[in-house]
């Protein structure tokens, strides 16, 4: 039972550069409305990397990290309706208050009082994770069936992509340019193809990720060459959709000039506090009638769609899990990520 759970290691954040591997303390019995999950896999998110390197004001240390996870429910508290022991789930990990204007519109990711697993509640880089009652009550746990655990752990990051692409009439998008091939850039490229966009080009520096994308059939251009190559790649008009997954002021400032007239520009990547402003050409925005929009996080409905996509075509996403390591190898994973040879790194208990 969950009140005996605790054997195994956890990845605990204390401060920037101070993340420790610790034996997990036994967790308390599953309370009213709560659910306890035995973790099968937890992927490393870009936010985890930034927290490790630079810190994160949202984290209340010491805190177990990790929110991109899959696991099996081992205990269901009283009044935790809709879930059962043995069910395998992933999660929409940003939890709204459930009663504000945004939550009532189903946009829980925009809740001003939102809390998150791995930030406000202990995360899933551990043997077990307890899900708070308000997340259970709002349906944040999503069934993954028999989907492989490492792929199921992609449900949360993929849900953020689903959210962003859901903001455009995807059936009218014939061409797309993805600026940056980090994990979320790769997820965008694959998902655009899965949603029927025939022409997907990407911009990335030479290296393993660029090579990998080419092997998957995508056109990849060096950032130094995109200004000259843009029109040739887009039949002389620019792209229907430009997706920015690179946290770069210059990239975000230049993105609009790659869009077709009447096209869309997705500001998916954020910039750090204190360096968040960019310069854009308002004439390009105005005269080309562009639609530029932001997108952040996801809801349970986005996670459901993401899991459905993973289950429908797992082989399309499987290459993105490039490394699978033990929880105790968190620091090794950070070194691999810094080398630029990884896309998604999954940790297992």
C-alpha atoms as a PDB file:
ATOM      1  CA  UNK A   1       0.000   0.000   0.000  1.00  0.00           C
ATOM      2  CA  UNK A   2       1.063   3.609  -0.471  1.00  0.00           C
ATOM      3  CA  UNK A   3       1.718   4.184   3.221  1.00  0.00           C
ATOM      4  CA  UNK A   4       4.622   1.744   2.886  1.00  0.00           C
ATOM      5  CA  UNK A   5       5.897   3.352  -0.317  1.00  0.00           C
ATOM      6  CA  UNK A   6       9.240   5.069  -0.218  1.00  0.00           C
ATOM      7  CA  UNK A   7      11.914   2.598  -1.196  1.00  0.00           C
ATOM      8  CA  UNK A   8      14.026   4.011  -4.005  1.00  0.00           C
ATOM      9  CA  UNK A   9      15.813   7.196  -4.921  1.00  0.00           C
ATOM     10  CA  UNK A  10      14.612  10.682  -5.713  1.00  0.00           C
ATOM     11  CA  UNK A  11      16.096  13.733  -7.448  1.00  0.00           C
ATOM     12  CA  UNK A  12      15.846  16.674  -5.063  1.00  0.00           C
ATOM     13  CA  UNK A  13      16.359  20.358  -5.925  1.00  0.00           C
ATOM     14  CA  UNK A  14      17.934  22.570  -3.256  1.00  0.00           C
ATOM     15  CA  UNK A  15      19.379  25.495  -5.226  1.00  0.00           C
ATOM     16  CA  UNK A  16      20.901  26.300  -8.636  1.00  0.00           C
ATOM     17  CA  UNK A  17      23.602  23.714  -9.237  1.00  0.00           C
ATOM     18  CA  UNK A  18      22.606  21.852  -6.079  1.00  0.00           C
ATOM     19  CA  UNK A  19      20.462  18.883  -7.030  1.00  0.00           C
ATOM     20  CA  UNK A  20      20.937  15.780  -4.916  1.00  0.00           C
ATOM     21  CA  UNK A  21      20.132  12.097  -5.279  1.00  0.00           C
ATOM     22  CA  UNK A  22      18.492  11.052  -2.035  1.00  0.00           C
ATOM     23  CA  UNK A  23      16.746   8.002  -0.689  1.00  0.00           C
ATOM     24  CA  UNK A  24      13.060   8.717  -0.838  1.00  0.00           C
ATOM     25  CA  UNK A  25      11.300   9.120   2.469  1.00  0.00           C
ATOM     26  CA  UNK A  26       8.184   6.982   2.998  1.00  0.00           C
ATOM     27  CA  UNK A  27       5.193   8.956   1.777  1.00  0.00           C
ATOM     28  CA  UNK A  28       2.142   9.427   3.929  1.00  0.00           C
ATOM     29  CA  UNK A  29      -1.011   7.421   3.362  1.00  0.00           C
ATOM     30  CA  UNK A  30      -3.105   8.519   0.419  1.00  0.00           C
ATOM     31  CA  UNK A  31      -5.516  11.135   1.697  1.00  0.00           C
ATOM     32  CA  UNK A  32      -9.073  12.035   0.855  1.00  0.00           C
ATOM     33  CA  UNK A  33      -9.352  12.667  -2.876  1.00  0.00           C
ATOM     34  CA  UNK A  34      -5.687  11.865  -3.539  1.00  0.00           C
ATOM     35  CA  UNK A  35      -4.042   9.225  -5.742  1.00  0.00           C
ATOM     36  CA  UNK A  36      -0.612   7.639  -5.290  1.00  0.00           C
ATOM     37  CA  UNK A  37       1.348   6.469  -8.321  1.00  0.00           C
ATOM     38  CA  UNK A  38       4.337   4.177  -8.694  1.00  0.00           C
ATOM     39  CA  UNK A  39       6.529   5.956 -11.224  1.00  0.00           C
ATOM     40  CA  UNK A  40       7.604   4.002 -14.306  1.00  0.00           C
ATOM     41  CA  UNK A  41       9.446   6.795 -16.129  1.00  0.00           C
ATOM     42  CA  UNK A  42      10.011  10.554 -15.891  1.00  0.00           C
ATOM     43  CA  UNK A  43      11.439  12.601 -18.768  1.00  0.00           C
ATOM     44  CA  UNK A  44      13.684  15.602 -18.233  1.00  0.00           C
ATOM     45  CA  UNK A  45      12.057  18.876 -19.270  1.00  0.00           C
ATOM     46  CA  UNK A  46      13.757  22.037 -20.428  1.00  0.00           C
ATOM     47  CA  UNK A  47      12.411  23.669 -17.282  1.00  0.00           C
ATOM     48  CA  UNK A  48      14.214  21.042 -15.192  1.00  0.00           C
ATOM     49  CA  UNK A  49      17.446  21.910 -16.985  1.00  0.00           C
ATOM     50  CA  UNK A  50      16.992  25.651 -16.447  1.00  0.00           C
ATOM     51  CA  UNK A  51      16.109  25.072 -12.799  1.00  0.00           C
ATOM     52  CA  UNK A  52      19.246  23.006 -12.294  1.00  0.00           C
ATOM     53  CA  UNK A  53      21.497  25.541 -13.997  1.00  0.00           C
ATOM     54  CA  UNK A  54      19.923  28.859 -13.001  1.00  0.00           C
ATOM     55  CA  UNK A  55      17.246  28.166 -10.419  1.00  0.00           C
ATOM     56  CA  UNK A  56      13.506  28.721 -10.538  1.00  0.00           C
ATOM     57  CA  UNK A  57      11.570  31.075  -8.253  1.00  0.00           C
ATOM     58  CA  UNK A  58       8.498  28.828  -8.432  1.00  0.00           C
ATOM     59  CA  UNK A  59      10.255  25.892  -6.754  1.00  0.00           C
ATOM     60  CA  UNK A  60       9.975  25.614  -2.989  1.00  0.00           C
ATOM     61  CA  UNK A  61      13.166  23.745  -1.999  1.00  0.00           C
ATOM     62  CA  UNK A  62      13.919  21.098  -1.041  1.00  0.00           C
ATOM     63  CA  UNK A  63      11.661  19.698  -3.755  1.00  0.00           C
ATOM     64  CA  UNK A  64      11.589  16.463  -5.746  1.00  0.00           C
ATOM     65  CA  UNK A  65      11.832  17.458  -9.400  1.00  0.00           C
ATOM     66  CA  UNK A  66      10.073  16.122 -12.492  1.00  0.00           C
ATOM     67  CA  UNK A  67       6.642  16.361 -14.081  1.00  0.00           C
ATOM     68  CA  UNK A  68       6.787  14.550 -17.445  1.00  0.00           C
ATOM     69  CA  UNK A  69       5.949  11.100 -16.157  1.00  0.00           C
ATOM     70  CA  UNK A  70       4.061   7.866 -16.528  1.00  0.00           C
ATOM     71  CA  UNK A  71       3.153   5.435 -13.781  1.00  0.00           C
ATOM     72  CA  UNK A  72       0.726   2.959 -12.291  1.00  0.00           C
ATOM     73  CA  UNK A  73      -1.856   3.910  -9.682  1.00  0.00           C
ATOM     74  CA  UNK A  74      -1.209   1.900  -6.509  1.00  0.00           C
ATOM     75  CA  UNK A  75      -3.666   3.554  -4.137  1.00  0.00           C
ATOM     76  CA  UNK A  76      -6.816   5.633  -4.539  1.00  0.00           C
ATOM     77  CA  UNK A  77      -8.038   7.757  -1.674  1.00  0.00           C
ATOM     78  CA  UNK A  78     -11.657   8.069  -0.677  1.00  0.00           C
ATOM     79  CA  UNK A  79     -13.673  10.324  -2.996  1.00  0.00           C
ATOM     80  CA  UNK A  80     -11.010  10.099  -5.722  1.00  0.00           C
ATOM     81  CA  UNK A  81     -13.578   9.190  -8.323  1.00  0.00           C
ATOM     82  CA  UNK A  82     -12.794   8.030 -11.861  1.00  0.00           C
ATOM     83  CA  UNK A  83      -9.528   6.223 -11.180  1.00  0.00           C
ATOM     84  CA  UNK A  84      -8.610   2.725 -10.058  1.00  0.00           C
ATOM     85  CA  UNK A  85      -5.666   0.740  -8.750  1.00  0.00           C
ATOM     86  CA  UNK A  86      -3.606  -0.740 -11.602  1.00  0.00           C
ATOM     87  CA  UNK A  87      -4.501   2.014 -14.059  1.00  0.00           C
ATOM     88  CA  UNK A  88      -1.533   3.467 -15.959  1.00  0.00           C
ATOM     89  CA  UNK A  89      -1.607   7.232 -16.320  1.00  0.00           C
ATOM     90  CA  UNK A  90       0.247  10.389 -17.203  1.00  0.00           C
ATOM     91  CA  UNK A  91      -0.731  13.875 -16.137  1.00  0.00           C
ATOM     92  CA  UNK A  92      -1.526  17.458 -17.053  1.00  0.00           C
ATOM     93  CA  UNK A  93       0.852  18.778 -14.458  1.00  0.00           C
ATOM     94  CA  UNK A  94      -0.190  22.439 -14.181  1.00  0.00           C
ATOM     95  CA  UNK A  95      -3.144  22.526 -11.806  1.00  0.00           C
ATOM     96  CA  UNK A  96      -5.586  25.421 -11.867  1.00  0.00           C
ATOM     97  CA  UNK A  97      -7.644  26.584  -8.893  1.00  0.00           C
ATOM     98  CA  UNK A  98     -10.776  25.176 -10.547  1.00  0.00           C
ATOM     99  CA  UNK A  99     -12.955  28.223  -9.971  1.00  0.00           C
ATOM    100  CA  UNK A 100     -11.539  31.304 -11.714  1.00  0.00           C
ATOM    101  CA  UNK A 101     -12.567  32.799 -15.057  1.00  0.00           C
ATOM    102  CA  UNK A 102      -9.900  30.811 -16.898  1.00  0.00           C
ATOM    103  CA  UNK A 103     -10.562  27.487 -15.168  1.00  0.00           C
ATOM    104  CA  UNK A 104     -14.279  27.902 -15.853  1.00  0.00           C
ATOM    105  CA  UNK A 105     -13.432  28.331 -19.530  1.00  0.00           C
ATOM    106  CA  UNK A 106     -11.391  25.117 -19.490  1.00  0.00           C
ATOM    107  CA  UNK A 107      -8.145  27.085 -19.792  1.00  0.00           C
ATOM    108  CA  UNK A 108      -6.630  25.856 -16.548  1.00  0.00           C
ATOM    109  CA  UNK A 109      -3.124  26.504 -17.892  1.00  0.00           C
ATOM    110  CA  UNK A 110      -3.845  30.251 -17.659  1.00  0.00           C
ATOM    111  CA  UNK A 111      -5.051  30.193 -14.047  1.00  0.00           C
ATOM    112  CA  UNK A 112      -3.344  32.959 -12.046  1.00  0.00           C
ATOM    113  CA  UNK A 113      -3.172  30.644  -9.022  1.00  0.00           C
ATOM    114  CA  UNK A 114      -1.901  27.610 -10.919  1.00  0.00           C
ATOM    115  CA  UNK A 115       0.388  25.173  -9.144  1.00  0.00           C
ATOM    116  CA  UNK A 116       2.485  22.379 -10.596  1.00  0.00           C
ATOM    117  CA  UNK A 117       3.903  18.978  -9.798  1.00  0.00           C
ATOM    118  CA  UNK A 118       7.647  19.309  -9.235  1.00  0.00           C
ATOM    119  CA  UNK A 119       7.320  22.980  -8.247  1.00  0.00           C
ATOM    120  CA  UNK A 120       4.635  23.297  -5.588  1.00  0.00           C
ATOM    121  CA  UNK A 121       4.160  19.566  -4.980  1.00  0.00           C
ATOM    122  CA  UNK A 122       6.803  16.801  -4.908  1.00  0.00           C
ATOM    123  CA  UNK A 123       7.566  15.648  -8.440  1.00  0.00           C
ATOM    124  CA  UNK A 124       7.977  12.362 -10.261  1.00  0.00           C
ATOM    125  CA  UNK A 125      11.761  11.939 -10.370  1.00  0.00           C
ATOM    126  CA  UNK A 126      11.209   9.414  -7.628  1.00  0.00           C
ATOM    127  CA  UNK A 127       9.863   5.944  -6.969  1.00  0.00           C
ATOM    128  CA  UNK A 128       6.394   7.273  -6.147  1.00  0.00           C
ATOM    129  CA  UNK A 129       4.413  10.474  -6.580  1.00  0.00           C
ATOM    130  CA  UNK A 130       1.270  11.556  -4.785  1.00  0.00           C
ATOM    131  CA  UNK A 131      -1.294  13.517  -6.807  1.00  0.00           C
ATOM    132  CA  UNK A 132      -3.131  16.264  -4.875  1.00  0.00           C
ATOM    133  CA  UNK A 133      -6.881  16.062  -4.529  1.00  0.00           C
ATOM    134  CA  UNK A 134      -7.668  19.161  -6.588  1.00  0.00           C
ATOM    135  CA  UNK A 135      -5.772  17.724  -9.561  1.00  0.00           C
ATOM    136  CA  UNK A 136      -7.607  14.413  -9.236  1.00  0.00           C
ATOM    137  CA  UNK A 137     -10.933  16.195  -8.885  1.00  0.00           C
ATOM    138  CA  UNK A 138     -10.307  18.210 -12.064  1.00  0.00           C
ATOM    139  CA  UNK A 139      -9.386  15.128 -14.101  1.00  0.00           C
ATOM    140  CA  UNK A 140      -5.686  15.856 -14.570  1.00  0.00           C
ATOM    141  CA  UNK A 141      -4.696  12.171 -14.704  1.00  0.00           C
ATOM    142  CA  UNK A 142      -4.979  10.708 -18.206  1.00  0.00           C
ATOM    143  CA  UNK A 143      -5.116   6.989 -18.989  1.00  0.00           C
ATOM    144  CA  UNK A 144      -2.312   5.732 -21.262  1.00  0.00           C
ATOM    145  CA  UNK A 145      -3.396   2.105 -21.626  1.00  0.00           C
ATOM    146  CA  UNK A 146      -0.539  -0.162 -22.694  1.00  0.00           C
ATOM    147  CA  UNK A 147       1.593   2.613 -24.179  1.00  0.00           C
ATOM    148  CA  UNK A 148       5.315   2.195 -23.470  1.00  0.00           C
ATOM    149  CA  UNK A 149       6.269   4.118 -20.354  1.00  0.00           C
ATOM    150  CA  UNK A 150       9.030   6.143 -22.021  1.00  0.00           C
ATOM    151  CA  UNK A 151       6.626   7.255 -24.762  1.00  0.00           C
ATOM    152  CA  UNK A 152       3.821   7.884 -22.284  1.00  0.00           C
ATOM    153  CA  UNK A 153       6.194  10.239 -20.445  1.00  0.00           C
ATOM    154  CA  UNK A 154       6.145  12.376 -23.608  1.00  0.00           C
ATOM    155  CA  UNK A 155       2.423  12.975 -23.151  1.00  0.00           C
ATOM    156  CA  UNK A 156       2.907  16.183 -21.157  1.00  0.00           C
ATOM    157  CA  UNK A 157       5.464  17.921 -23.418  1.00  0.00           C
ATOM    158  CA  UNK A 158       3.553  16.788 -26.489  1.00  0.00           C
ATOM    159  CA  UNK A 159       0.382  18.254 -24.974  1.00  0.00           C
ATOM    160  CA  UNK A 160       2.064  21.675 -24.985  1.00  0.00           C
ATOM    161  CA  UNK A 161       2.685  21.235 -28.718  1.00  0.00           C
ATOM    162  CA  UNK A 162      -0.935  20.186 -29.189  1.00  0.00           C
ATOM    163  CA  UNK A 163      -2.033  23.364 -27.412  1.00  0.00           C
ATOM    164  CA  UNK A 164       0.125  25.561 -29.635  1.00  0.00           C
ATOM    165  CA  UNK A 165      -0.893  23.935 -32.908  1.00  0.00           C
ATOM    166  CA  UNK A 166      -4.521  24.000 -31.839  1.00  0.00           C
ATOM    167  CA  UNK A 167      -4.438  27.780 -32.135  1.00  0.00           C
ATOM    168  CA  UNK A 168      -4.239  27.658 -35.951  1.00  0.00           C
ATOM    169  CA  UNK A 169      -6.503  26.146 -38.651  1.00  0.00           C
ATOM    170  CA  UNK A 170      -4.139  23.227 -39.167  1.00  0.00           C
ATOM    171  CA  UNK A 171      -6.075  21.943 -42.172  1.00  0.00           C
ATOM    172  CA  UNK A 172      -5.073  25.134 -44.013  1.00  0.00           C
ATOM    173  CA  UNK A 173      -1.374  24.860 -43.141  1.00  0.00           C
ATOM    174  CA  UNK A 174       0.586  23.463 -46.079  1.00  0.00           C
ATOM    175  CA  UNK A 175       4.056  24.527 -44.983  1.00  0.00           C
ATOM    176  CA  UNK A 176       5.755  25.169 -41.660  1.00  0.00           C
ATOM    177  CA  UNK A 177       9.134  26.327 -40.408  1.00  0.00           C
ATOM    178  CA  UNK A 178      10.356  25.235 -36.972  1.00  0.00           C
ATOM    179  CA  UNK A 179      13.036  27.512 -35.502  1.00  0.00           C
ATOM    180  CA  UNK A 180      15.104  25.362 -33.165  1.00  0.00           C
ATOM    181  CA  UNK A 181      15.394  21.589 -32.823  1.00  0.00           C
ATOM    182  CA  UNK A 182      15.503  21.090 -29.107  1.00  0.00           C
ATOM    183  CA  UNK A 183      13.076  18.492 -27.728  1.00  0.00           C
ATOM    184  CA  UNK A 184      10.034  20.718 -28.264  1.00  0.00           C
ATOM    185  CA  UNK A 185      11.203  21.668 -31.749  1.00  0.00           C
ATOM    186  CA  UNK A 186      11.514  18.003 -32.666  1.00  0.00           C
ATOM    187  CA  UNK A 187       8.098  17.303 -31.171  1.00  0.00           C
ATOM    188  CA  UNK A 188       6.646  20.128 -33.263  1.00  0.00           C
ATOM    189  CA  UNK A 189       8.222  18.845 -36.474  1.00  0.00           C
ATOM    190  CA  UNK A 190       6.952  15.299 -35.957  1.00  0.00           C
ATOM    191  CA  UNK A 191       3.494  16.440 -34.866  1.00  0.00           C
ATOM    192  CA  UNK A 192       3.082  18.808 -37.804  1.00  0.00           C
ATOM    193  CA  UNK A 193       3.783  15.893 -40.099  1.00  0.00           C
ATOM    194  CA  UNK A 194       1.355  13.675 -38.169  1.00  0.00           C
ATOM    195  CA  UNK A 195      -1.314  16.352 -38.550  1.00  0.00           C
ATOM    196  CA  UNK A 196      -0.903  16.351 -42.323  1.00  0.00           C
ATOM    197  CA  UNK A 197       1.426  19.294 -42.965  1.00  0.00           C
ATOM    198  CA  UNK A 198       3.399  18.069 -45.974  1.00  0.00           C
ATOM    199  CA  UNK A 199       6.214  20.623 -46.069  1.00  0.00           C
ATOM    200  CA  UNK A 200       8.070  20.963 -42.749  1.00  0.00           C
ATOM    201  CA  UNK A 201      11.466  22.673 -42.649  1.00  0.00           C
ATOM    202  CA  UNK A 202      13.626  23.254 -39.595  1.00  0.00           C
ATOM    203  CA  UNK A 203      16.433  25.577 -38.550  1.00  0.00           C
ATOM    204  CA  UNK A 204      19.205  24.194 -36.354  1.00  0.00           C
ATOM    205  CA  UNK A 205      22.952  24.407 -35.921  1.00  0.00           C
ATOM    206  CA  UNK A 206      25.019  21.500 -37.304  1.00  0.00           C
ATOM    207  CA  UNK A 207      25.131  18.586 -34.901  1.00  0.00           C
ATOM    208  CA  UNK A 208      23.357  15.439 -33.802  1.00  0.00           C
ATOM    209  CA  UNK A 209      19.878  16.941 -33.673  1.00  0.00           C
ATOM    210  CA  UNK A 210      20.127  18.408 -37.166  1.00  0.00           C
ATOM    211  CA  UNK A 211      21.450  15.101 -38.474  1.00  0.00           C
ATOM    212  CA  UNK A 212      18.684  13.198 -36.745  1.00  0.00           C
ATOM    213  CA  UNK A 213      15.992  15.442 -38.226  1.00  0.00           C
ATOM    214  CA  UNK A 214      17.421  14.926 -41.713  1.00  0.00           C
ATOM    215  CA  UNK A 215      17.395  11.169 -41.140  1.00  0.00           C
ATOM    216  CA  UNK A 216      13.701  11.492 -40.275  1.00  0.00           C
ATOM    217  CA  UNK A 217      13.078  13.207 -43.617  1.00  0.00           C
ATOM    218  CA  UNK A 218      12.954  16.876 -42.596  1.00  0.00           C
ATOM    219  CA  UNK A 219      14.730  19.690 -44.417  1.00  0.00           C
ATOM    220  CA  UNK A 220      17.191  21.315 -42.032  1.00  0.00           C
ATOM    221  CA  UNK A 221      18.906  24.661 -42.614  1.00  0.00           C
ATOM    222  CA  UNK A 222      21.790  26.218 -40.705  1.00  0.00           C
ATOM    223  CA  UNK A 223      20.676  29.441 -38.925  1.00  0.00           C
ATOM    224  CA  UNK A 224      23.316  31.378 -40.884  1.00  0.00           C
ATOM    225  CA  UNK A 225      21.620  30.412 -44.158  1.00  0.00           C
ATOM    226  CA  UNK A 226      17.907  30.681 -43.415  1.00  0.00           C
ATOM    227  CA  UNK A 227      17.503  34.278 -44.637  1.00  0.00           C
ATOM    228  CA  UNK A 228      18.773  33.304 -48.078  1.00  0.00           C
ATOM    229  CA  UNK A 229      17.071  29.903 -48.158  1.00  0.00           C
ATOM    230  CA  UNK A 230      13.636  30.919 -46.870  1.00  0.00           C
ATOM    231  CA  UNK A 231      11.989  31.827 -50.170  1.00  0.00           C
ATOM    232  CA  UNK A 232      13.495  28.865 -52.015  1.00  0.00           C
ATOM    233  CA  UNK A 233      12.108  26.525 -49.349  1.00  0.00           C
ATOM    234  CA  UNK A 234       8.638  28.078 -49.443  1.00  0.00           C
ATOM    235  CA  UNK A 235       7.893  28.538 -53.149  1.00  0.00           C
ATOM    236  CA  UNK A 236       8.866  32.187 -52.962  1.00  0.00           C
ATOM    237  CA  UNK A 237       6.164  33.223 -50.489  1.00  0.00           C
ATOM    238  CA  UNK A 238       7.226  32.285 -46.968  1.00  0.00           C
ATOM    239  CA  UNK A 239       5.698  29.665 -44.686  1.00  0.00           C
ATOM    240  CA  UNK A 240       2.075  29.309 -43.631  1.00  0.00           C
ATOM    241  CA  UNK A 241       3.239  28.743 -40.052  1.00  0.00           C
ATOM    242  CA  UNK A 242       6.455  29.687 -38.275  1.00  0.00           C
ATOM    243  CA  UNK A 243       7.013  28.058 -34.878  1.00  0.00           C
ATOM    244  CA  UNK A 244       9.629  29.535 -32.543  1.00  0.00           C
ATOM    245  CA  UNK A 245      11.030  26.990 -30.105  1.00  0.00           C
ATOM    246  CA  UNK A 246      14.388  28.734 -29.645  1.00  0.00           C
ATOM    247  CA  UNK A 247      14.732  30.987 -26.557  1.00  0.00           C
ATOM    248  CA  UNK A 248      16.699  33.581 -28.506  1.00  0.00           C
ATOM    249  CA  UNK A 249      15.898  37.303 -28.761  1.00  0.00           C
ATOM    250  CA  UNK A 250      17.345  37.514 -32.250  1.00  0.00           C
ATOM    251  CA  UNK A 251      15.477  34.464 -33.516  1.00  0.00           C
ATOM    252  CA  UNK A 252      12.208  35.721 -32.064  1.00  0.00           C
ATOM    253  CA  UNK A 253      12.753  39.180 -33.519  1.00  0.00           C
ATOM    254  CA  UNK A 254      13.399  37.803 -37.015  1.00  0.00           C
ATOM    255  CA  UNK A 255      10.705  35.130 -37.107  1.00  0.00           C
ATOM    256  CA  UNK A 256       7.948  37.153 -38.760  1.00  0.00           C
ATOM    257  CA  UNK A 257       9.913  37.727 -41.939  1.00  0.00           C
ATOM    258  CA  UNK A 258       9.799  33.989 -42.686  1.00  0.00           C
ATOM    259  CA  UNK A 259       5.995  33.858 -42.673  1.00  0.00           C
ATOM    260  CA  UNK A 260       3.779  33.961 -45.731  1.00  0.00           C
ATOM    261  CA  UNK A 261       1.350  36.861 -46.062  1.00  0.00           C
ATOM    262  CA  UNK A 262      -1.660  36.018 -43.920  1.00  0.00           C
ATOM    263  CA  UNK A 263       0.415  33.417 -42.088  1.00  0.00           C
ATOM    264  CA  UNK A 264       0.842  32.512 -38.439  1.00  0.00           C
ATOM    265  CA  UNK A 265       3.779  32.927 -36.062  1.00  0.00           C
ATOM    266  CA  UNK A 266       3.796  30.866 -32.855  1.00  0.00           C
ATOM    267  CA  UNK A 267       5.850  32.270 -29.978  1.00  0.00           C
ATOM    268  CA  UNK A 268       6.184  28.911 -28.258  1.00  0.00           C
ATOM    269  CA  UNK A 269       9.505  29.508 -26.495  1.00  0.00           C
ATOM    270  CA  UNK A 270       9.765  31.975 -23.654  1.00  0.00           C
ATOM    271  CA  UNK A 271      12.640  34.294 -22.829  1.00  0.00           C
ATOM    272  CA  UNK A 272      14.186  34.695 -19.361  1.00  0.00           C
ATOM    273  CA  UNK A 273      12.984  37.350 -16.934  1.00  0.00           C
ATOM    274  CA  UNK A 274      15.039  40.476 -17.409  1.00  0.00           C
ATOM    275  CA  UNK A 275      15.768  39.722 -21.047  1.00  0.00           C
ATOM    276  CA  UNK A 276      12.263  39.181 -22.379  1.00  0.00           C
ATOM    277  CA  UNK A 277      11.901  42.037 -24.881  1.00  0.00           C
ATOM    278  CA  UNK A 278      12.385  41.742 -28.636  1.00  0.00           C
ATOM    279  CA  UNK A 279      12.301  44.094 -31.627  1.00  0.00           C
ATOM    280  CA  UNK A 280       9.848  43.299 -34.398  1.00  0.00           C
ATOM    281  CA  UNK A 281       9.107  45.007 -37.694  1.00  0.00           C
ATOM    282  CA  UNK A 282       5.581  46.299 -37.219  1.00  0.00           C
ATOM    283  CA  UNK A 283       5.265  46.975 -40.965  1.00  0.00           C
ATOM    284  CA  UNK A 284       5.816  43.265 -41.657  1.00  0.00           C
ATOM    285  CA  UNK A 285       3.173  42.381 -39.095  1.00  0.00           C
ATOM    286  CA  UNK A 286       0.770  45.007 -40.390  1.00  0.00           C
ATOM    287  CA  UNK A 287       1.072  44.826 -44.173  1.00  0.00           C
ATOM    288  CA  UNK A 288       1.433  41.048 -44.341  1.00  0.00           C
ATOM    289  CA  UNK A 289      -1.605  40.600 -42.079  1.00  0.00           C
ATOM    290  CA  UNK A 290       0.239  38.138 -39.878  1.00  0.00           C
ATOM    291  CA  UNK A 291      -1.255  36.486 -36.816  1.00  0.00           C
ATOM    292  CA  UNK A 292       1.351  36.225 -34.062  1.00  0.00           C
ATOM    293  CA  UNK A 293       0.355  34.410 -30.892  1.00  0.00           C
ATOM    294  CA  UNK A 294       1.759  33.029 -27.677  1.00  0.00           C
ATOM    295  CA  UNK A 295       1.192  29.602 -26.226  1.00  0.00           C
ATOM    296  CA  UNK A 296       2.075  28.210 -22.838  1.00  0.00           C
ATOM    297  CA  UNK A 297       1.591  24.889 -21.095  1.00  0.00           C
ATOM    298  CA  UNK A 298      -1.472  22.682 -21.574  1.00  0.00           C
ATOM    299  CA  UNK A 299      -4.672  21.298 -20.089  1.00  0.00           C
ATOM    300  CA  UNK A 300      -5.931  17.775 -19.460  1.00  0.00           C
ATOM    301  CA  UNK A 301      -7.756  17.870 -22.802  1.00  0.00           C
ATOM    302  CA  UNK A 302      -4.481  18.594 -24.579  1.00  0.00           C
ATOM    303  CA  UNK A 303      -2.847  15.674 -22.762  1.00  0.00           C
ATOM    304  CA  UNK A 304      -5.658  13.367 -23.887  1.00  0.00           C
ATOM    305  CA  UNK A 305      -5.074  14.349 -27.500  1.00  0.00           C
ATOM    306  CA  UNK A 306      -1.317  13.927 -27.086  1.00  0.00           C
ATOM    307  CA  UNK A 307      -1.712  10.429 -25.649  1.00  0.00           C
ATOM    308  CA  UNK A 308      -4.085   9.567 -28.486  1.00  0.00           C
ATOM    309  CA  UNK A 309      -1.432  10.634 -31.013  1.00  0.00           C
ATOM    310  CA  UNK A 310       1.272   8.623 -29.255  1.00  0.00           C
ATOM    311  CA  UNK A 311      -0.932   5.540 -29.203  1.00  0.00           C
ATOM    312  CA  UNK A 312      -1.947   5.981 -32.844  1.00  0.00           C
ATOM    313  CA  UNK A 313       1.608   6.157 -34.192  1.00  0.00           C
ATOM    314  CA  UNK A 314       4.199   5.410 -31.492  1.00  0.00           C
ATOM    315  CA  UNK A 315       6.942   4.755 -34.043  1.00  0.00           C
ATOM    316  CA  UNK A 316       6.765   8.370 -35.225  1.00  0.00           C
ATOM    317  CA  UNK A 317       7.756   9.586 -31.762  1.00  0.00           C
ATOM    318  CA  UNK A 318       9.957   6.742 -30.568  1.00  0.00           C
ATOM    319  CA  UNK A 319      13.220   8.127 -32.077  1.00  0.00           C
ATOM    320  CA  UNK A 320      12.889  11.246 -29.913  1.00  0.00           C
ATOM    321  CA  UNK A 321      13.685   9.262 -26.754  1.00  0.00           C
ATOM    322  CA  UNK A 322      17.429   9.145 -27.296  1.00  0.00           C
ATOM    323  CA  UNK A 323      18.589   8.213 -23.782  1.00  0.00           C
ATOM    324  CA  UNK A 324      17.149   6.158 -20.932  1.00  0.00           C
ATOM    325  CA  UNK A 325      18.986   6.357 -17.589  1.00  0.00           C
ATOM    326  CA  UNK A 326      18.472   5.592 -13.933  1.00  0.00           C
ATOM    327  CA  UNK A 327      17.192   8.298 -11.585  1.00  0.00           C
ATOM    328  CA  UNK A 328      20.596   8.090  -9.878  1.00  0.00           C
ATOM    329  CA  UNK A 329      22.207   9.209 -13.159  1.00  0.00           C
ATOM    330  CA  UNK A 330      20.529  12.626 -13.206  1.00  0.00           C
ATOM    331  CA  UNK A 331      23.851  14.488 -13.296  1.00  0.00           C
ATOM    332  CA  UNK A 332      25.114  12.264 -16.105  1.00  0.00           C
ATOM    333  CA  UNK A 333      21.928  13.107 -17.985  1.00  0.00           C
ATOM    334  CA  UNK A 334      22.653  16.820 -17.527  1.00  0.00           C
ATOM    335  CA  UNK A 335      26.123  16.320 -19.020  1.00  0.00           C
ATOM    336  CA  UNK A 336      24.663  14.457 -22.006  1.00  0.00           C
ATOM    337  CA  UNK A 337      22.102  17.197 -22.566  1.00  0.00           C
ATOM    338  CA  UNK A 338      24.757  19.936 -22.378  1.00  0.00           C
ATOM    339  CA  UNK A 339      26.767  18.097 -25.042  1.00  0.00           C
ATOM    340  CA  UNK A 340      23.846  18.535 -27.433  1.00  0.00           C
ATOM    341  CA  UNK A 341      23.591  14.859 -28.338  1.00  0.00           C
ATOM    342  CA  UNK A 342      20.220  14.204 -26.676  1.00  0.00           C
ATOM    343  CA  UNK A 343      16.655  14.959 -27.625  1.00  0.00           C
ATOM    344  CA  UNK A 344      14.577  13.482 -24.823  1.00  0.00           C
ATOM    345  CA  UNK A 345      16.211  11.845 -21.813  1.00  0.00           C
ATOM    346  CA  UNK A 346      13.997   9.565 -19.735  1.00  0.00           C
ATOM    347  CA  UNK A 347      14.844   8.590 -16.161  1.00  0.00           C
ATOM    348  CA  UNK A 348      13.572   5.380 -14.585  1.00  0.00           C
ATOM    349  CA  UNK A 349      13.483   4.433 -10.869  1.00  0.00           C
END
